[in-house]
C-alpha atoms as a PDB file:
ATOM      1  CA  MET A   1      54.279  82.375 130.582  1.00  0.00           C
ATOM      2  CA  SER A   2      55.131  84.286 133.727  1.00  0.00           C
ATOM      3  CA  ILE A   3      58.662  85.242 134.747  1.00  0.00           C
ATOM      4  CA  VAL A   4      58.800  82.577 137.451  1.00  0.00           C
ATOM      5  CA  SER A   5      57.611  79.786 135.167  1.00  0.00           C
ATOM      6  CA  GLY A   6      59.979  81.002 132.424  1.00  0.00           C
ATOM      7  CA  LEU A   7      62.917  80.860 134.835  1.00  0.00           C
ATOM      8  CA  ALA A   8      61.850  77.436 136.082  1.00  0.00           C
ATOM      9  CA  ILE A   9      61.635  76.093 132.539  1.00  0.00           C
ATOM     10  CA  TYR A  10      65.042  77.585 131.693  1.00  0.00           C
ATOM     11  CA  PHE A  11      66.528  76.002 134.837  1.00  0.00           C
ATOM     12  CA  VAL A  12      65.224  72.552 133.895  1.00  0.00           C
ATOM     13  CA  ILE A  13      66.383  72.920 130.276  1.00  0.00           C
ATOM     14  CA  TRP A  14      69.818  74.105 131.472  1.00  0.00           C
ATOM     15  CA  TRP A  15      70.338  71.008 133.623  1.00  0.00           C
ATOM     16  CA  ILE A  16      69.136  68.620 130.918  1.00  0.00           C
ATOM     17  CA  THR A  17      71.382  70.156 128.275  1.00  0.00           C
ATOM     18  CA  LEU A  18      74.321  70.191 130.700  1.00  0.00           C
ATOM     19  CA  PHE A  19      74.366  66.397 130.654  1.00  0.00           C
ATOM     20  CA  MET A  20      74.420  66.538 126.840  1.00  0.00           C
ATOM     21  CA  VAL A  21      77.307  69.043 126.721  1.00  0.00           C
ATOM     22  CA  LEU A  22      79.559  67.535 129.411  1.00  0.00           C
ATOM     23  CA  PRO A  23      81.005  64.697 127.272  1.00  0.00           C
ATOM     24  CA  PHE A  24      82.133  67.053 124.464  1.00  0.00           C
ATOM     25  CA  GLY A  25      85.898  67.066 123.993  1.00  0.00           C
ATOM     26  CA  VAL A  26      86.721  64.613 126.770  1.00  0.00           C
ATOM     27  CA  ARG A  27      90.121  62.949 126.376  1.00  0.00           C
ATOM     28  CA  ARG A  28      91.284  60.373 128.867  1.00  0.00           C
ATOM     29  CA  ASP A  29      94.702  60.477 130.436  1.00  0.00           C
ATOM     30  CA  GLU A  30      97.182  57.982 128.961  1.00  0.00           C
ATOM     31  CA  LYS A  31      99.427  58.032 132.045  1.00  0.00           C
ATOM     32  CA  ILE A  32      97.165  56.799 134.808  1.00  0.00           C
ATOM     33  CA  GLU A  33      98.615  57.257 138.271  1.00  0.00           C
ATOM     34  CA  VAL A  34      97.759  54.966 141.159  1.00  0.00           C
ATOM     35  CA  GLY A  35      94.479  56.017 142.742  1.00  0.00           C
ATOM     36  CA  ASN A  36      93.217  58.044 139.777  1.00  0.00           C
ATOM     37  CA  ASP A  37      90.110  57.089 137.861  1.00  0.00           C
ATOM     38  CA  PRO A  38      91.039  55.809 134.375  1.00  0.00           C
ATOM     39  CA  GLY A  39      88.011  57.588 132.890  1.00  0.00           C
ATOM     40  CA  ALA A  40      88.880  61.000 134.331  1.00  0.00           C
ATOM     41  CA  PRO A  41      89.507  63.667 131.682  1.00  0.00           C
ATOM     42  CA  ILE A  42      92.856  65.412 131.265  1.00  0.00           C
ATOM     43  CA  LYS A  43      91.250  68.884 131.170  1.00  0.00           C
ATOM     44  CA  HIS A  44      87.565  69.260 131.835  1.00  0.00           C
ATOM     45  CA  HIS A  45      86.982  72.797 130.394  1.00  0.00           C
ATOM     46  CA  ILE A  46      83.929  73.156 132.641  1.00  0.00           C
ATOM     47  CA  ILE A  47      83.643  76.954 132.307  1.00  0.00           C
ATOM     48  CA  LEU A  48      83.557  76.747 128.499  1.00  0.00           C
ATOM     49  CA  LYS A  49      81.029  73.918 128.656  1.00  0.00           C
ATOM     50  CA  MET A  50      78.810  75.884 131.035  1.00  0.00           C
ATOM     51  CA  PHE A  51      78.937  78.894 128.701  1.00  0.00           C
ATOM     52  CA  ILE A  52      78.035  76.778 125.656  1.00  0.00           C
ATOM     53  CA  ASN A  53      75.338  75.064 127.690  1.00  0.00           C
ATOM     54  CA  SER A  54      73.804  78.393 128.751  1.00  0.00           C
ATOM     55  CA  ILE A  55      73.593  79.565 125.135  1.00  0.00           C
ATOM     56  CA  LEU A  56      72.120  76.237 123.982  1.00  0.00           C
ATOM     57  CA  ALA A  57      69.578  76.246 126.818  1.00  0.00           C
ATOM     58  CA  PHE A  58      68.599  79.832 125.980  1.00  0.00           C
ATOM     59  CA  PHE A  59      67.822  78.977 122.359  1.00  0.00           C
ATOM     60  CA  ILE A  60      65.784  75.927 123.377  1.00  0.00           C
ATOM     61  CA  TRP A  61      63.951  78.059 125.971  1.00  0.00           C
ATOM     62  CA  LEU A  62      63.350  80.752 123.334  1.00  0.00           C
ATOM     63  CA  LEU A  63      61.784  78.161 121.030  1.00  0.00           C
ATOM     64  CA  ILE A  64      59.478  76.984 123.816  1.00  0.00           C
ATOM     65  CA  PHE A  65      58.648  80.600 124.718  1.00  0.00           C
ATOM     66  CA  LEU A  66      57.734  81.443 121.122  1.00  0.00           C
ATOM     67  CA  ILE A  67      55.576  78.333 120.835  1.00  0.00           C
ATOM     68  CA  ASP A  68      53.754  79.393 124.009  1.00  0.00           C
ATOM     69  CA  PHE A  69      53.579  83.110 123.126  1.00  0.00           C
ATOM     70  CA  PHE A  70      52.068  82.595 119.682  1.00  0.00           C
ATOM     71  CA  ASP A  71      49.823  79.721 120.882  1.00  0.00           C
ATOM     72  CA  ILE A  72      51.190  77.326 118.272  1.00  0.00           C
ATOM     73  CA  ILE A  73      50.639  74.437 120.684  1.00  0.00           C
ATOM     74  CA  THR A  74      48.420  74.840 123.721  1.00  0.00           C
ATOM     75  CA  PHE A  75      47.377  72.417 126.411  1.00  0.00           C
ATOM     76  CA  ARG A  76      43.772  73.318 125.622  1.00  0.00           C
ATOM     77  CA  ASP A  77      44.192  71.429 122.340  1.00  0.00           C
ATOM     78  CA  PHE A  78      44.733  68.167 124.231  1.00  0.00           C
ATOM     79  CA  VAL A  79      41.691  68.455 126.512  1.00  0.00           C
END
């Protein structure tokens, strides 16, 4: 795996896991003002979620890297 393909894979994993991490800890506002979305969270904690997401994406990327590095699964096996 080259550096460019490793970064591309990490980027894709990061975005996929972001959509898994975003709903964590969401509490809706009980006092809904006129014009506000009733599903909007009180506090979004986006920086914490992005940090957790980056760590999660790194470990998933590391697993994929190790599978590729040690040739546990190769595309040549499927051809």
